[in-house]
Protein backbone atom coordinates (compact mmCIF):
# COMPACT_ATOMS: atom_id res chain seq x y z
CA UNK A 1 -0.01 0.04 0.02
CA UNK A 2 0.99 3.66 -0.51
CA UNK A 3 2.64 5.19 2.57
CA UNK A 4 3.30 8.83 1.32
CA UNK A 5 4.36 10.93 -1.73
CA UNK A 6 8.06 10.20 -2.48
CA UNK A 7 8.65 13.36 -4.67
CA UNK A 8 7.24 15.83 -7.16
CA UNK A 9 8.95 16.14 -10.49
CA UNK A 10 9.00 19.67 -12.08
CA UNK A 11 10.47 20.62 -15.50
CA UNK A 12 11.69 24.13 -15.26
CA UNK A 13 13.42 26.56 -17.87
CA UNK A 14 16.16 27.94 -15.73
CA UNK A 15 18.04 28.17 -12.43
CA UNK A 16 15.61 30.95 -11.42
CA UNK A 17 12.99 28.31 -10.58
CA UNK A 18 15.39 26.37 -8.34
CA UNK A 19 16.16 29.65 -6.53
CA UNK A 20 12.41 30.30 -6.02
CA UNK A 21 11.99 27.03 -4.25
CA UNK A 22 15.05 27.67 -2.15
CA UNK A 23 13.34 30.88 -0.99
CA UNK A 24 10.49 28.75 0.15
CA UNK A 25 12.96 26.80 2.46
CA UNK A 26 13.97 23.89 0.11
CA UNK A 27 17.71 22.80 0.39
CA UNK A 28 19.61 21.45 -2.47
CA UNK A 29 20.33 17.77 -1.80
CA UNK A 30 21.84 16.66 -5.08
CA UNK A 31 22.76 18.07 -8.53
CA UNK A 32 23.44 16.04 -11.68
CA UNK A 33 24.59 17.68 -14.93
CA UNK A 34 23.57 15.60 -17.95
CA UNK A 35 24.08 16.24 -21.69
CA UNK A 36 20.53 17.50 -22.20
CA UNK A 37 19.47 18.95 -18.84
CA UNK A 38 20.44 19.52 -15.15
CA UNK A 39 18.62 17.64 -12.39
CA UNK A 40 18.40 19.16 -8.99
CA UNK A 41 16.91 17.42 -5.96
CA UNK A 42 15.56 19.78 -3.34
CA UNK A 43 14.19 18.79 0.03
CA UNK A 44 12.52 20.12 3.15
CA UNK A 45 10.15 18.77 5.86
CA UNK A 46 9.66 15.37 4.22
CA UNK A 47 8.97 16.90 0.80
CA UNK A 48 11.36 16.39 -2.20
CA UNK A 49 11.29 18.17 -5.51
CA UNK A 50 13.05 16.71 -8.52
CA UNK A 51 13.76 19.73 -10.73
CA UNK A 52 14.67 19.24 -14.42
CA UNK A 53 16.33 22.39 -15.71
CA UNK A 54 15.81 22.54 -19.55
CA UNK A 55 14.85 25.68 -21.46
CA UNK A 56 13.87 23.63 -24.49
CA UNK A 57 10.44 22.46 -23.20
CA UNK A 58 7.29 24.25 -24.34
CA UNK A 59 5.68 26.69 -21.98
CA UNK A 60 2.96 25.44 -19.59
CA UNK A 61 -0.60 25.53 -21.01
CA UNK A 62 -2.84 27.70 -18.95
CA UNK A 63 -5.87 28.63 -20.98
CA UNK A 64 -7.24 26.13 -21.11
CA UNK A 65 -5.23 24.09 -18.64
CA UNK A 66 -4.05 20.64 -19.69
CA UNK A 67 -5.46 17.62 -18.02
CA UNK A 68 -3.17 16.44 -15.19
CA UNK A 69 -1.49 17.96 -12.14
CA UNK A 70 -3.07 21.41 -11.58
CA UNK A 71 -0.98 22.92 -8.85
CA UNK A 72 1.50 22.33 -6.06
CA UNK A 73 0.08 22.87 -2.61
CA UNK A 74 2.36 23.59 0.37
CA UNK A 75 1.30 23.89 3.97
CA UNK A 76 2.58 27.07 5.66
CA UNK A 77 2.51 28.60 9.16
CA UNK A 78 1.73 32.17 8.15
CA UNK A 79 -0.45 32.80 5.11
CA UNK A 80 -0.11 36.61 5.45
CA UNK A 81 3.64 36.32 5.36
CA UNK A 82 3.61 34.14 2.28
CA UNK A 83 1.06 36.45 0.58
CA UNK A 84 3.37 39.44 1.11
CA UNK A 85 6.70 37.65 0.40
CA UNK A 86 5.57 35.83 -2.76
CA UNK A 87 3.17 38.25 -4.42
CA UNK A 88 0.15 36.00 -3.96
CA UNK A 89 -3.42 36.68 -5.07
CA UNK A 90 -6.19 37.21 -2.50
CA UNK A 91 -6.48 34.96 0.62
CA UNK A 92 -9.44 32.64 0.27
CA UNK A 93 -10.92 29.88 2.23
CA UNK A 94 -11.11 26.25 1.15
CA UNK A 95 -13.93 23.66 1.40
CA UNK A 96 -13.09 23.35 5.11
CA UNK A 97 -12.68 27.06 5.98
CA UNK A 98 -8.86 27.00 6.02
CA UNK A 99 -7.03 30.01 4.39
CA UNK A 100 -4.99 29.65 1.18
CA UNK A 101 -3.63 31.86 -1.65
CA UNK A 102 -1.82 31.23 -4.96
CA UNK A 103 1.48 32.40 -6.42
CA UNK A 104 3.25 31.09 -9.39
CA UNK A 105 6.86 30.02 -9.75
CA UNK A 106 9.09 31.62 -12.45
CA UNK A 107 7.72 29.17 -15.06
CA UNK A 108 4.05 29.82 -14.21
CA UNK A 109 3.47 26.75 -12.15
CA UNK A 110 0.65 27.65 -9.69
CA UNK A 111 1.76 27.20 -6.04
CA UNK A 112 -0.97 27.19 -3.38
CA UNK A 113 0.04 28.25 0.12
CA UNK A 114 -2.35 26.57 2.55
CA UNK A 115 -2.49 27.49 6.21
């Protein structure tokens, strides 16, 4: 049976995206240079991101969105801080009355901060 998520893989266009996730508190655990891309593993609080840096991929479809993973949601302690620090949209309430807001990473991947 499934125990937990192991990691989330994200294709990004540049090192700028890696730096964005480092601002969120992720630490670089591993970096591998390959002929066609660079793989960077980031980790924090039991979450791992597998970042594939390659500027040759097409941009993320947003209107309409593609079928598949919609956004990355991260639980945070202080939603107000995240809203101000990461230029989020309005703070809203989810189905259960908990606060959340959205920002985007440098490649346009929606990031939900959830209190």
